[in-house]
C-alpha atoms as a PDB file:
ATOM      1  CA  MET A   1     104.847  73.520  88.227  1.00  0.00           C
ATOM      2  CA  LYS A   2     108.012  71.148  88.523  1.00  0.00           C
ATOM      3  CA  LYS A   3     109.996  73.305  86.373  1.00  0.00           C
ATOM      4  CA  LEU A   4     108.651  76.623  88.117  1.00  0.00           C
ATOM      5  CA  VAL A   5     109.490  75.479  91.235  1.00  0.00           C
ATOM      6  CA  LEU A   6     112.993  74.225  90.534  1.00  0.00           C
ATOM      7  CA  GLY A   7     113.952  77.318  89.037  1.00  0.00           C
ATOM      8  CA  ALA A   8     112.542  79.695  91.948  1.00  0.00           C
ATOM      9  CA  THR A   9     114.846  77.269  93.947  1.00  0.00           C
ATOM     10  CA  ILE A  10     117.845  77.946  91.904  1.00  0.00           C
ATOM     11  CA  LEU A  11     117.151  81.709  92.402  1.00  0.00           C
ATOM     12  CA  GLY A  12     116.479  80.863  96.162  1.00  0.00           C
ATOM     13  CA  THR A  13     120.646  81.249  96.939  1.00  0.00           C
ATOM     14  CA  GLY A  14     120.494  78.511  99.299  1.00  0.00           C
ATOM     15  CA  GLY A  15     117.554  79.550 101.091  1.00  0.00           C
ATOM     16  CA  GLY A  16     113.562  80.922 100.073  1.00  0.00           C
ATOM     17  CA  GLY A  17     111.775  77.408 101.753  1.00  0.00           C
ATOM     18  CA  ASP A  18     111.924  73.784 100.877  1.00  0.00           C
ATOM     19  CA  PRO A  19     110.943  73.315  97.293  1.00  0.00           C
ATOM     20  CA  GLU A  20     109.554  70.011  98.001  1.00  0.00           C
ATOM     21  CA  GLU A  21     106.816  71.804 100.391  1.00  0.00           C
ATOM     22  CA  GLY A  22     106.551  74.330  97.717  1.00  0.00           C
ATOM     23  CA  PHE A  23     105.744  72.056  95.454  1.00  0.00           C
ATOM     24  CA  LYS A  24     102.892  70.142  97.238  1.00  0.00           C
ATOM     25  CA  VAL A  25     101.527  73.586  98.620  1.00  0.00           C
ATOM     26  CA  LEU A  26     100.830  74.417  94.856  1.00  0.00           C
ATOM     27  CA  TYR A  27      99.772  71.054  93.371  1.00  0.00           C
ATOM     28  CA  LYS A  28      97.378  70.873  96.303  1.00  0.00           C
ATOM     29  CA  ALA A  29      95.781  74.064  95.593  1.00  0.00           C
ATOM     30  CA  ILE A  30      95.547  73.681  91.781  1.00  0.00           C
ATOM     31  CA  GLU A  31      94.194  70.195  92.435  1.00  0.00           C
ATOM     32  CA  VAL A  32      91.601  71.346  95.126  1.00  0.00           C
ATOM     33  CA  THR A  33      90.498  74.326  92.906  1.00  0.00           C
ATOM     34  CA  GLY A  34      90.895  73.055  89.270  1.00  0.00           C
ATOM     35  CA  ARG A  35      92.215  76.394  88.676  1.00  0.00           C
ATOM     36  CA  PRO A  36      95.524  76.936  87.152  1.00  0.00           C
ATOM     37  CA  VAL A  37      98.081  79.564  88.281  1.00  0.00           C
ATOM     38  CA  GLU A  38      97.130  83.156  86.515  1.00  0.00           C
ATOM     39  CA  LEU A  39     100.126  85.537  85.962  1.00  0.00           C
ATOM     40  CA  ILE A  40      99.883  88.757  84.901  1.00  0.00           C
ATOM     41  CA  ASN A  41     101.984  91.844  84.132  1.00  0.00           C
ATOM     42  CA  VAL A  42     102.452  94.752  86.317  1.00  0.00           C
ATOM     43  CA  GLU A  43     100.816  97.044  83.854  1.00  0.00           C
ATOM     44  CA  ASP A  44      97.456  94.207  83.896  1.00  0.00           C
ATOM     45  CA  ILE A  45      97.327  95.040  87.657  1.00  0.00           C
ATOM     46  CA  PRO A  46      93.327  96.542  87.958  1.00  0.00           C
ATOM     47  CA  SER A  47      93.801 100.237  88.782  1.00  0.00           C
ATOM     48  CA  GLU A  48      91.119  99.811  91.840  1.00  0.00           C
ATOM     49  CA  GLY A  49      92.374  97.553  94.528  1.00  0.00           C
ATOM     50  CA  PHE A  50      95.248  96.161  95.612  1.00  0.00           C
ATOM     51  CA  ILE A  51      98.053  93.225  95.126  1.00  0.00           C
ATOM     52  CA  VAL A  52      99.536  91.786  98.616  1.00  0.00           C
ATOM     53  CA  VAL A  53     102.663  89.582  99.749  1.00  0.00           C
ATOM     54  CA  PRO A  54     102.006  86.103 101.170  1.00  0.00           C
ATOM     55  CA  TYR A  55     104.959  84.531 103.111  1.00  0.00           C
ATOM     56  CA  TYR A  56     106.842  83.026 106.014  1.00  0.00           C
ATOM     57  CA  VAL A  57     109.291  84.154 108.438  1.00  0.00           C
ATOM     58  CA  GLY A  58     111.339  82.097 110.354  1.00  0.00           C
ATOM     59  CA  SER A  59     114.395  79.957 110.373  1.00  0.00           C
ATOM     60  CA  ILE A  60     114.777  77.495 107.856  1.00  0.00           C
ATOM     61  CA  ALA A  61     117.283  75.419 110.201  1.00  0.00           C
ATOM     62  CA  PRO A  62     115.938  71.681 110.147  1.00  0.00           C
ATOM     63  CA  GLY A  63     114.011  69.626 112.729  1.00  0.00           C
ATOM     64  CA  LEU A  64     112.366  72.809 113.873  1.00  0.00           C
ATOM     65  CA  LYS A  65     108.758  71.902 115.722  1.00  0.00           C
ATOM     66  CA  PRO A  66     105.727  74.066 117.314  1.00  0.00           C
ATOM     67  CA  ARG A  67     106.287  74.907 120.400  1.00  0.00           C
ATOM     68  CA  LYS A  68     102.315  74.644 121.235  1.00  0.00           C
ATOM     69  CA  THR A  69      99.439  73.058 119.871  1.00  0.00           C
ATOM     70  CA  ILE A  70      98.696  73.784 116.266  1.00  0.00           C
ATOM     71  CA  LYS A  71      95.466  76.004 116.522  1.00  0.00           C
ATOM     72  CA  ILE A  72      95.316  77.299 113.014  1.00  0.00           C
ATOM     73  CA  ILE A  73      95.614  75.146 110.181  1.00  0.00           C
ATOM     74  CA  ASP A  74      96.024  77.751 107.400  1.00  0.00           C
ATOM     75  CA  PRO A  75      97.570  80.504 109.213  1.00  0.00           C
ATOM     76  CA  ILE A  76      98.391  82.526 106.033  1.00  0.00           C
ATOM     77  CA  GLY A  77      95.156  81.798 104.682  1.00  0.00           C
ATOM     78  CA  ARG A  78      93.800  83.388 107.777  1.00  0.00           C
ATOM     79  CA  ALA A  79      96.116  86.339 107.534  1.00  0.00           C
ATOM     80  CA  PHE A  80      94.901  87.174 104.039  1.00  0.00           C
ATOM     81  CA  GLU A  81      91.034  87.359 105.084  1.00  0.00           C
ATOM     82  CA  LEU A  82      92.102  89.773 107.981  1.00  0.00           C
ATOM     83  CA  LEU A  83      94.356  92.065 106.035  1.00  0.00           C
ATOM     84  CA  GLU A  84      91.680  92.503 103.054  1.00  0.00           C
ATOM     85  CA  ARG A  85      88.926  93.407 106.199  1.00  0.00           C
ATOM     86  CA  GLU A  86      92.041  95.893 107.458  1.00  0.00           C
ATOM     87  CA  LEU A  87      92.475  97.540 104.226  1.00  0.00           C
ATOM     88  CA  GLY A  88      88.598  98.221 103.452  1.00  0.00           C
ATOM     89  CA  GLY A  89      89.549  97.613  99.865  1.00  0.00           C
ATOM     90  CA  LYS A  90      89.769  95.002  97.284  1.00  0.00           C
ATOM     91  CA  ILE A  91      92.739  92.669  97.241  1.00  0.00           C
ATOM     92  CA  VAL A  92      92.830  92.176  93.331  1.00  0.00           C
ATOM     93  CA  GLY A  93      96.326  90.166  93.214  1.00  0.00           C
ATOM     94  CA  VAL A  94      99.217  88.873  94.991  1.00  0.00           C
ATOM     95  CA  VAL A  95     102.950  89.212  94.407  1.00  0.00           C
ATOM     96  CA  ALA A  96     105.894  86.876  95.728  1.00  0.00           C
ATOM     97  CA  SER A  97     108.207  88.445  98.571  1.00  0.00           C
ATOM     98  CA  GLU A  98     110.836  86.726  97.072  1.00  0.00           C
ATOM     99  CA  MET A  99     112.259  83.832  94.885  1.00  0.00           C
ATOM    100  CA  GLY A 100     112.616  80.435  96.401  1.00  0.00           C
ATOM    101  CA  GLY A 101     111.515  76.684  96.559  1.00  0.00           C
ATOM    102  CA  PHE A 102     108.649  77.506  98.925  1.00  0.00           C
ATOM    103  CA  ASN A 103     108.279  81.148  99.356  1.00  0.00           C
ATOM    104  CA  THR A 104     107.692  81.749  95.347  1.00  0.00           C
ATOM    105  CA  PRO A 105     105.020  78.794  95.348  1.00  0.00           C
ATOM    106  CA  ILE A 106     102.996  79.861  98.493  1.00  0.00           C
ATOM    107  CA  ALA A 107     102.279  83.303  97.448  1.00  0.00           C
ATOM    108  CA  LEU A 108     101.239  81.499  93.687  1.00  0.00           C
ATOM    109  CA  SER A 109      99.077  79.097  95.724  1.00  0.00           C
ATOM    110  CA  ILE A 110      97.346  81.746  97.767  1.00  0.00           C
ATOM    111  CA  GLY A 111      96.231  83.341  94.423  1.00  0.00           C
ATOM    112  CA  VAL A 112      95.083  80.253  93.377  1.00  0.00           C
ATOM    113  CA  LEU A 113      92.756  79.188  96.161  1.00  0.00           C
ATOM    114  CA  LYS A 114      91.558  83.013  96.382  1.00  0.00           C
ATOM    115  CA  GLY A 115      90.922  82.881  92.488  1.00  0.00           C
ATOM    116  CA  LEU A 116      93.524  85.792  92.034  1.00  0.00           C
ATOM    117  CA  PRO A 117      96.232  86.685  89.719  1.00  0.00           C
ATOM    118  CA  ALA A 118      99.708  86.194  90.604  1.00  0.00           C
ATOM    119  CA  VAL A 119     102.170  89.518  89.263  1.00  0.00           C
ATOM    120  CA  ASP A 120     105.056  87.858  87.296  1.00  0.00           C
ATOM    121  CA  GLY A 121     107.715  89.056  89.748  1.00  0.00           C
ATOM    122  CA  ASP A 122     108.639  89.764  93.350  1.00  0.00           C
ATOM    123  CA  LEU A 123     110.288  92.091  95.549  1.00  0.00           C
ATOM    124  CA  LEU A 124     113.510  90.688  95.803  1.00  0.00           C
ATOM    125  CA  GLY A 125     115.073  88.869  92.486  1.00  0.00           C
ATOM    126  CA  ARG A 126     116.137  86.358  94.647  1.00  0.00           C
ATOM    127  CA  ALA A 127     115.862  85.203  98.532  1.00  0.00           C
ATOM    128  CA  ALA A 128     117.306  87.254 101.154  1.00  0.00           C
ATOM    129  CA  PRO A 129     116.726  86.475 105.097  1.00  0.00           C
ATOM    130  CA  GLU A 130     115.460  89.821 106.327  1.00  0.00           C
ATOM    131  CA  LEU A 131     112.234  92.318 105.939  1.00  0.00           C
ATOM    132  CA  HIS A 132     115.068  94.984 104.996  1.00  0.00           C
ATOM    133  CA  GLN A 133     115.833  93.121 101.749  1.00  0.00           C
ATOM    134  CA  CYS A 134     112.336  94.414 100.074  1.00  0.00           C
ATOM    135  CA  THR A 135     112.292  96.604  96.859  1.00  0.00           C
ATOM    136  CA  VAL A 136     109.364  98.675  98.715  1.00  0.00           C
ATOM    137  CA  HIS A 137     112.159 100.211 101.279  1.00  0.00           C
ATOM    138  CA  ILE A 138     114.303 102.004  98.313  1.00  0.00           C
ATOM    139  CA  PHE A 139     111.115 103.651  97.223  1.00  0.00           C
ATOM    140  CA  GLY A 140     109.481 104.577 100.932  1.00  0.00           C
ATOM    141  CA  TYR A 141     106.955 102.365 100.931  1.00  0.00           C
ATOM    142  CA  SER A 142     105.353 101.015 103.971  1.00  0.00           C
ATOM    143  CA  MET A 143     104.547  97.173 104.247  1.00  0.00           C
ATOM    144  CA  THR A 144     101.564  98.029 106.666  1.00  0.00           C
ATOM    145  CA  PRO A 145      99.111  97.266 107.522  1.00  0.00           C
ATOM    146  CA  SER A 146      99.970  93.570 107.684  1.00  0.00           C
ATOM    147  CA  VAL A 147      98.536  90.865 109.450  1.00  0.00           C
ATOM    148  CA  LEU A 148     101.031  88.109 110.935  1.00  0.00           C
ATOM    149  CA  VAL A 149      99.500  84.799 111.980  1.00  0.00           C
ATOM    150  CA  SER A 150     101.458  81.997 113.854  1.00  0.00           C
ATOM    151  CA  GLU A 151     100.008  78.306 113.691  1.00  0.00           C
ATOM    152  CA  THR A 152      99.989  78.090 117.568  1.00  0.00           C
ATOM    153  CA  GLY A 153      97.074  80.986 117.673  1.00  0.00           C
ATOM    154  CA  ASN A 154      99.053  84.403 117.749  1.00  0.00           C
ATOM    155  CA  ILE A 155      97.173  86.837 115.597  1.00  0.00           C
ATOM    156  CA  ILE A 156      99.104  90.345 115.064  1.00  0.00           C
ATOM    157  CA  VAL A 157      98.008  93.325 113.037  1.00  0.00           C
ATOM    158  CA  VAL A 158     100.474  95.938 112.435  1.00  0.00           C
ATOM    159  CA  LYS A 159      99.010  99.362 111.374  1.00  0.00           C
ATOM    160  CA  GLU A 160     102.432 101.291 111.536  1.00  0.00           C
ATOM    161  CA  TYR A 161     106.068 100.414 112.588  1.00  0.00           C
ATOM    162  CA  ALA A 162     108.673 102.483 113.733  1.00  0.00           C
ATOM    163  CA  ASP A 163     111.165 101.403 111.106  1.00  0.00           C
ATOM    164  CA  ILE A 164     111.482  98.214 109.332  1.00  0.00           C
ATOM    165  CA  ASP A 165     114.313  97.108 112.514  1.00  0.00           C
ATOM    166  CA  ASP A 166     111.281  96.799 114.514  1.00  0.00           C
ATOM    167  CA  TYR A 167     109.100  95.379 112.150  1.00  0.00           C
ATOM    168  CA  GLU A 168     111.774  92.546 111.471  1.00  0.00           C
ATOM    169  CA  SER A 169     111.984  91.935 115.381  1.00  0.00           C
ATOM    170  CA  ILE A 170     108.387  91.539 115.471  1.00  0.00           C
ATOM    171  CA  ALA A 171     107.945  89.218 113.064  1.00  0.00           C
ATOM    172  CA  ARG A 172     111.435  87.267 113.799  1.00  0.00           C
ATOM    173  CA  TYR A 173     110.085  87.153 117.421  1.00  0.00           C
ATOM    174  CA  LEU A 174     106.827  85.771 116.659  1.00  0.00           C
ATOM    175  CA  SER A 175     108.231  83.069 114.551  1.00  0.00           C
ATOM    176  CA  ILE A 176     110.197  82.375 117.493  1.00  0.00           C
ATOM    177  CA  LEU A 177     107.415  82.084 120.074  1.00  0.00           C
ATOM    178  CA  ALA A 178     105.651  79.769 117.576  1.00  0.00           C
ATOM    179  CA  GLY A 179     108.740  77.418 117.070  1.00  0.00           C
ATOM    180  CA  ARG A 180     109.079  77.637 113.226  1.00  0.00           C
ATOM    181  CA  PHE A 181     107.301  80.488 111.367  1.00  0.00           C
ATOM    182  CA  VAL A 182     105.107  82.834 111.519  1.00  0.00           C
ATOM    183  CA  ALA A 183     102.980  83.761 108.554  1.00  0.00           C
ATOM    184  CA  VAL A 184     102.678  87.374 106.953  1.00  0.00           C
ATOM    185  CA  VAL A 185     100.543  89.020 104.664  1.00  0.00           C
ATOM    186  CA  ASP A 186     102.014  92.598 103.753  1.00  0.00           C
ATOM    187  CA  THR A 187     103.023  95.019 101.287  1.00  0.00           C
ATOM    188  CA  PRO A 188      99.330  96.573  99.816  1.00  0.00           C
ATOM    189  CA  LEU A 189     100.645  98.030  96.544  1.00  0.00           C
ATOM    190  CA  THR A 190      98.691  99.445  93.906  1.00  0.00           C
ATOM    191  CA  ARG A 191      99.419  99.643  90.386  1.00  0.00           C
ATOM    192  CA  GLU A 192     101.611 102.494  90.447  1.00  0.00           C
ATOM    193  CA  LYS A 193     103.929 101.590  93.430  1.00  0.00           C
ATOM    194  CA  ALA A 194     104.060  97.996  92.117  1.00  0.00           C
ATOM    195  CA  ASP A 195     105.305  99.428  88.827  1.00  0.00           C
ATOM    196  CA  LYS A 196     108.296 100.701  90.599  1.00  0.00           C
ATOM    197  CA  ALA A 197     108.716  98.219  93.231  1.00  0.00           C
ATOM    198  CA  VAL A 198     108.497  94.424  91.781  1.00  0.00           C
ATOM    199  CA  VAL A 199     111.484  93.016  90.366  1.00  0.00           C
ATOM    200  CA  LYS A 200     109.726  92.145  87.141  1.00  0.00           C
ATOM    201  CA  ASN A 201     109.507  88.611  85.346  1.00  0.00           C
ATOM    202  CA  THR A 202     111.089  86.538  87.985  1.00  0.00           C
ATOM    203  CA  ILE A 203     108.305  83.848  87.757  1.00  0.00           C
ATOM    204  CA  SER A 204     108.992  83.369  83.921  1.00  0.00           C
ATOM    205  CA  LEU A 205     112.537  83.568  84.099  1.00  0.00           C
ATOM    206  CA  ALA A 206     111.860  80.551  87.046  1.00  0.00           C
ATOM    207  CA  TYR A 207     110.011  78.799  84.885  1.00  0.00           C
ATOM    208  CA  LYS A 208     112.886  79.027  82.046  1.00  0.00           C
ATOM    209  CA  LEU A 209     115.282  78.115  84.632  1.00  0.00           C
ATOM    210  CA  GLY A 210     113.692  74.856  85.325  1.00  0.00           C
ATOM    211  CA  ASP A 211     113.250  74.387  81.422  1.00  0.00           C
ATOM    212  CA  GLU A 212     116.223  74.813  80.954  1.00  0.00           C
ATOM    213  CA  VAL A 213     117.725  72.261  83.712  1.00  0.00           C
ATOM    214  CA  LEU A 214     115.327  69.479  82.460  1.00  0.00           C
ATOM    215  CA  ARG A 215     116.395  69.930  78.870  1.00  0.00           C
ATOM    216  CA  ALA A 216     120.042  69.283  79.768  1.00  0.00           C
ATOM    217  CA  ILE A 217     119.326  66.337  81.632  1.00  0.00           C
ATOM    218  CA  GLU A 218     117.615  64.853  78.741  1.00  0.00           C
ATOM    219  CA  SER A 219     120.150  65.982  76.153  1.00  0.00           C
ATOM    220  CA  LYS A 220     122.964  64.858  78.675  1.00  0.00           C
ATOM    221  CA  GLU A 221     124.685  68.379  78.869  1.00  0.00           C
ATOM    222  CA  SER A 222     125.492  70.473  81.596  1.00  0.00           C
ATOM    223  CA  PRO A 223     122.680  72.342  83.224  1.00  0.00           C
ATOM    224  CA  ALA A 224     125.369  74.460  84.893  1.00  0.00           C
ATOM    225  CA  GLU A 225     126.447  76.054  81.464  1.00  0.00           C
ATOM    226  CA  ARG A 226     122.436  76.901  80.777  1.00  0.00           C
ATOM    227  CA  ILE A 227     121.441  78.232  84.012  1.00  0.00           C
ATOM    228  CA  ALA A 228     124.765  80.586  84.142  1.00  0.00           C
ATOM    229  CA  LYS A 229     123.700  81.924  80.916  1.00  0.00           C
ATOM    230  CA  LEU A 230     119.848  82.671  82.022  1.00  0.00           C
ATOM    231  CA  LEU A 231     121.013  84.386  84.898  1.00  0.00           C
ATOM    232  CA  ASN A 232     123.561  86.455  83.109  1.00  0.00           C
ATOM    233  CA  GLY A 233     126.228  85.251  85.589  1.00  0.00           C
ATOM    234  CA  TRP A 234     129.260  82.406  85.480  1.00  0.00           C
ATOM    235  CA  ILE A 235     130.459  79.089  86.982  1.00  0.00           C
ATOM    236  CA  VAL A 236     132.536  80.296  89.446  1.00  0.00           C
ATOM    237  CA  PHE A 237     133.801  77.093  91.215  1.00  0.00           C
ATOM    238  CA  GLU A 238     133.498  73.298  91.521  1.00  0.00           C
ATOM    239  CA  GLY A 239     134.739  71.015  94.526  1.00  0.00           C
ATOM    240  CA  PHE A 240     133.371  69.320  97.338  1.00  0.00           C
ATOM    241  CA  VAL A 241     132.009  70.283 100.696  1.00  0.00           C
ATOM    242  CA  GLU A 242     134.524  69.774 102.972  1.00  0.00           C
ATOM    243  CA  LYS A 243     133.277  71.548 106.338  1.00  0.00           C
ATOM    244  CA  TYR A 244     129.701  72.498 107.011  1.00  0.00           C
ATOM    245  CA  THR A 245     128.509  74.256 110.395  1.00  0.00           C
ATOM    246  CA  TRP A 246     125.322  75.829 111.209  1.00  0.00           C
ATOM    247  CA  ARG A 247     123.318  76.981 114.248  1.00  0.00           C
ATOM    248  CA  ASP A 248     119.781  78.046 114.847  1.00  0.00           C
ATOM    249  CA  GLU A 249     120.215  81.927 115.998  1.00  0.00           C
ATOM    250  CA  LYS A 250     117.537  83.948 116.728  1.00  0.00           C
ATOM    251  CA  GLY A 251     115.164  82.704 114.226  1.00  0.00           C
ATOM    252  CA  PHE A 252     117.828  82.416 111.645  1.00  0.00           C
ATOM    253  CA  LEU A 253     119.789  79.365 110.279  1.00  0.00           C
ATOM    254  CA  LYS A 254     123.279  80.803 110.477  1.00  0.00           C
ATOM    255  CA  GLY A 255     126.577  79.108 109.507  1.00  0.00           C
ATOM    256  CA  GLU A 256     129.588  78.639 107.191  1.00  0.00           C
ATOM    257  CA  VAL A 257     130.282  76.085 104.384  1.00  0.00           C
ATOM    258  CA  TYR A 258     133.805  75.604 102.936  1.00  0.00           C
ATOM    259  CA  ILE A 259     134.119  74.083  99.690  1.00  0.00           C
ATOM    260  CA  ARG A 260     137.487  72.635  98.259  1.00  0.00           C
ATOM    261  CA  GLY A 261     138.190  73.001  94.649  1.00  0.00           C
ATOM    262  CA  ARG A 262     138.408  70.314  91.925  1.00  0.00           C
ATOM    263  CA  GLY A 263     139.576  70.207  88.308  1.00  0.00           C
ATOM    264  CA  ARG A 264     140.601  73.715  87.238  1.00  0.00           C
ATOM    265  CA  TYR A 265     140.022  74.874  90.756  1.00  0.00           C
ATOM    266  CA  THR A 266     141.972  72.230  92.330  1.00  0.00           C
ATOM    267  CA  GLY A 267     143.955  73.805  95.518  1.00  0.00           C
ATOM    268  CA  ARG A 268     141.588  76.579  96.485  1.00  0.00           C
ATOM    269  CA  LEU A 269     139.057  76.792  98.921  1.00  0.00           C
ATOM    270  CA  VAL A 270     135.439  78.960  99.084  1.00  0.00           C
ATOM    271  CA  LYS A 271     133.996  79.789 102.160  1.00  0.00           C
ATOM    272  CA  SER A 272     130.370  81.067 102.445  1.00  0.00           C
ATOM    273  CA  TYR A 273     128.936  83.059 105.284  1.00  0.00           C
ATOM    274  CA  ILE A 274     125.026  81.755 105.469  1.00  0.00           C
ATOM    275  CA  MET A 275     122.574  83.724 107.005  1.00  0.00           C
ATOM    276  CA  ASN A 276     119.421  81.434 105.592  1.00  0.00           C
ATOM    277  CA  GLU A 277     120.759  82.213 102.118  1.00  0.00           C
ATOM    278  CA  HIS A 278     124.412  82.289 100.972  1.00  0.00           C
ATOM    279  CA  ILE A 279     125.240  85.925 101.680  1.00  0.00           C
ATOM    280  CA  MET A 280     128.898  86.688 101.512  1.00  0.00           C
ATOM    281  CA  VAL A 281     131.443  84.360  99.797  1.00  0.00           C
ATOM    282  CA  TRP A 282     135.372  84.327 100.135  1.00  0.00           C
ATOM    283  CA  ILE A 283     137.818  82.451  97.853  1.00  0.00           C
ATOM    284  CA  ASP A 284     141.285  81.944  99.423  1.00  0.00           C
ATOM    285  CA  ASN A 285     140.571  84.240 101.892  1.00  0.00           C
ATOM    286  CA  GLU A 286     139.605  87.055  99.470  1.00  0.00           C
ATOM    287  CA  PRO A 287     136.328  88.523  98.680  1.00  0.00           C
ATOM    288  CA  LEU A 288     134.503  87.043  95.695  1.00  0.00           C
ATOM    289  CA  VAL A 289     130.695  87.351  95.484  1.00  0.00           C
ATOM    290  CA  MET A 290     129.365  90.362  97.691  1.00  0.00           C
ATOM    291  CA  PRO A 291     125.757  90.969  98.815  1.00  0.00           C
ATOM    292  CA  PRO A 292     123.551  91.582  96.980  1.00  0.00           C
ATOM    293  CA  ASP A 293     124.878  89.791  94.263  1.00  0.00           C
ATOM    294  CA  LEU A 294     123.835  86.080  93.793  1.00  0.00           C
ATOM    295  CA  PHE A 295     125.732  82.853  94.795  1.00  0.00           C
ATOM    296  CA  THR A 296     123.975  79.432  94.166  1.00  0.00           C
ATOM    297  CA  LEU A 297     124.893  76.095  94.184  1.00  0.00           C
ATOM    298  CA  ILE A 298     123.658  72.775  92.342  1.00  0.00           C
ATOM    299  CA  THR A 299     124.691  69.262  92.115  1.00  0.00           C
ATOM    300  CA  PRO A 300     126.587  68.267  88.855  1.00  0.00           C
ATOM    301  CA  ASN A 301     122.625  67.132  87.364  1.00  0.00           C
ATOM    302  CA  GLY A 302     121.947  70.419  88.041  1.00  0.00           C
ATOM    303  CA  THR A 303     119.280  69.967  91.323  1.00  0.00           C
ATOM    304  CA  PRO A 304     119.620  73.411  93.603  1.00  0.00           C
ATOM    305  CA  ILE A 305     121.018  72.833  96.635  1.00  0.00           C
ATOM    306  CA  THR A 306     119.112  74.492  99.897  1.00  0.00           C
ATOM    307  CA  ASN A 307     121.388  75.096 102.957  1.00  0.00           C
ATOM    308  CA  THR A 308     118.864  72.884 104.669  1.00  0.00           C
ATOM    309  CA  VAL A 309     120.650  69.942 102.753  1.00  0.00           C
ATOM    310  CA  LEU A 310     123.739  71.097 102.044  1.00  0.00           C
ATOM    311  CA  LYS A 311     126.183  68.183 103.597  1.00  0.00           C
ATOM    312  CA  GLU A 312     129.904  67.365 103.846  1.00  0.00           C
ATOM    313  CA  GLY A 313     130.932  65.300 100.843  1.00  0.00           C
ATOM    314  CA  MET A 314     128.621  66.930  98.453  1.00  0.00           C
ATOM    315  CA  GLU A 315     130.032  67.603  94.833  1.00  0.00           C
ATOM    316  CA  VAL A 316     128.638  71.026  94.135  1.00  0.00           C
ATOM    317  CA  ILE A 317     128.994  73.612  91.269  1.00  0.00           C
ATOM    318  CA  ALA A 318     128.926  77.257  92.191  1.00  0.00           C
ATOM    319  CA  ILE A 319     127.087  80.103  89.906  1.00  0.00           C
ATOM    320  CA  ALA A 320     127.488  83.465  90.657  1.00  0.00           C
ATOM    321  CA  ALA A 321     125.411  86.467  89.211  1.00  0.00           C
ATOM    322  CA  PRO A 322     124.468  90.202  89.399  1.00  0.00           C
ATOM    323  CA  ALA A 323     121.775  91.178  91.616  1.00  0.00           C
ATOM    324  CA  PRO A 324     118.681  93.475  90.224  1.00  0.00           C
ATOM    325  CA  ARG A 325     119.730  96.762  89.353  1.00  0.00           C
ATOM    326  CA  VAL A 326     117.663  98.321  92.081  1.00  0.00           C
ATOM    327  CA  TRP A 327     119.635  96.453  94.705  1.00  0.00           C
ATOM    328  CA  ARG A 328     122.672  97.884  93.217  1.00  0.00           C
ATOM    329  CA  THR A 329     121.372 101.810  94.507  1.00  0.00           C
ATOM    330  CA  PRO A 330     122.773 103.423  97.595  1.00  0.00           C
ATOM    331  CA  ARG A 331     119.788 102.723  99.119  1.00  0.00           C
ATOM    332  CA  GLY A 332     119.788  99.076  98.145  1.00  0.00           C
ATOM    333  CA  LEU A 333     123.325  98.663  99.111  1.00  0.00           C
ATOM    334  CA  GLU A 334     122.205 100.152 102.838  1.00  0.00           C
ATOM    335  CA  LEU A 335     119.856  97.384 102.833  1.00  0.00           C
ATOM    336  CA  PHE A 336     121.621  94.356 101.378  1.00  0.00           C
ATOM    337  CA  GLY A 337     125.306  95.045 100.884  1.00  0.00           C
ATOM    338  CA  PRO A 338     127.902  93.999 102.709  1.00  0.00           C
ATOM    339  CA  ARG A 339     128.435  96.439 105.076  1.00  0.00           C
ATOM    340  CA  HIS A 340     124.657  95.749 106.186  1.00  0.00           C
ATOM    341  CA  PHE A 341     125.596  92.179 107.764  1.00  0.00           C
ATOM    342  CA  GLY A 342     128.889  93.743 109.484  1.00  0.00           C
ATOM    343  CA  PHE A 343     131.187  92.913 106.898  1.00  0.00           C
ATOM    344  CA  ASP A 344     133.708  95.755 106.336  1.00  0.00           C
ATOM    345  CA  TYR A 345     134.118  95.851 103.003  1.00  0.00           C
ATOM    346  CA  ASP A 346     132.328  98.615 100.325  1.00  0.00           C
ATOM    347  CA  TYR A 347     130.451  96.555  97.768  1.00  0.00           C
ATOM    348  CA  VAL A 348     132.336  95.609  94.358  1.00  0.00           C
ATOM    349  CA  PRO A 349     130.012  94.040  91.707  1.00  0.00           C
ATOM    350  CA  VAL A 350     130.831  90.551  91.322  1.00  0.00           C
ATOM    351  CA  GLU A 351     131.750  90.534  87.488  1.00  0.00           C
ATOM    352  CA  GLU A 352     134.771  92.543  88.845  1.00  0.00           C
ATOM    353  CA  LEU A 353     135.557  90.110  91.514  1.00  0.00           C
ATOM    354  CA  ILE A 354     135.468  86.985  89.472  1.00  0.00           C
ATOM    355  CA  VAL A 355     137.784  88.407  87.019  1.00  0.00           C
ATOM    356  CA  LYS A 356     140.040  89.955  90.245  1.00  0.00           C
ATOM    357  CA  ARG A 357     140.271  86.281  91.473  1.00  0.00           C
ATOM    358  CA  GLY A 358     140.593  84.447  88.365  1.00  0.00           C
ATOM    359  CA  VAL A 359     137.706  82.026  88.414  1.00  0.00           C
ATOM    360  CA  ILE A 360     136.486  82.168  84.918  1.00  0.00           C
END
């Protein structure tokens, strides 16, 4: 489990939730039930029934607390039960909404608790801030029917939505009302739809990443090199966090981090715009990594750094990697490209930018 959560946190690109909490949730589910995580491939999903996606929507800003008394101890479990009732069909498995230290383990833990398998994959390939960044929208599949439950007692069943903007707003506003997050179970998929929408083998990839980090530490090698290789990516910067400012804004952690280079990067400055995750990255005021491509920070010993624990003075290594191909399609870039986040750039793949900026 440790390897899995570690690797999922690397893929979380600074977001994806608290890995310590993710480990605790998954460990508890396995301990209580005595069942391990059962992973299946998409082709192994039973033809009769649905897989569903359990996750949380909310800001990852530290220090947030419930605004009212907690009335529902297990909001995601409650949402799961209500969705199965709404579907009128059998739920036969779960799939993670994204890769991250919490949102990946929570999906796996629900599978363990319900005695259901988890698909080896997710619907993103990394972590991202909005419901827009879900592969189902690329293929025209709906995320409904869905159930949203806050720990403070709000329960909403969404049968249909006008568009994904409205659905995002509904979920985000409920998280703001609750003070921290809202639990969501949505996106019922048949095996046929899952075959198109699921970014395959990302759970296995997370485990391999965690395993490589721990092996590198044991052998006193560079975890960064091994991580970059597994991601088909590159080490693109090394340095110290010079400045980090963030704020909780409309249910998101938003901010900017500035990293001053060391070693071969001395005299250079990287800036990352954060919206829960690292979204858009510049070096010396020129684009270095554009969404949907991945940018993740680790410590020299390979520990992934979420944006909730990022601090000024930290020594960091930056790794960049290409996004899954599905996000590089025209529709994928509409939902996850730089212009979606308000940046006036046409998307340029990271493998081209890193050469132009001379970072490798």
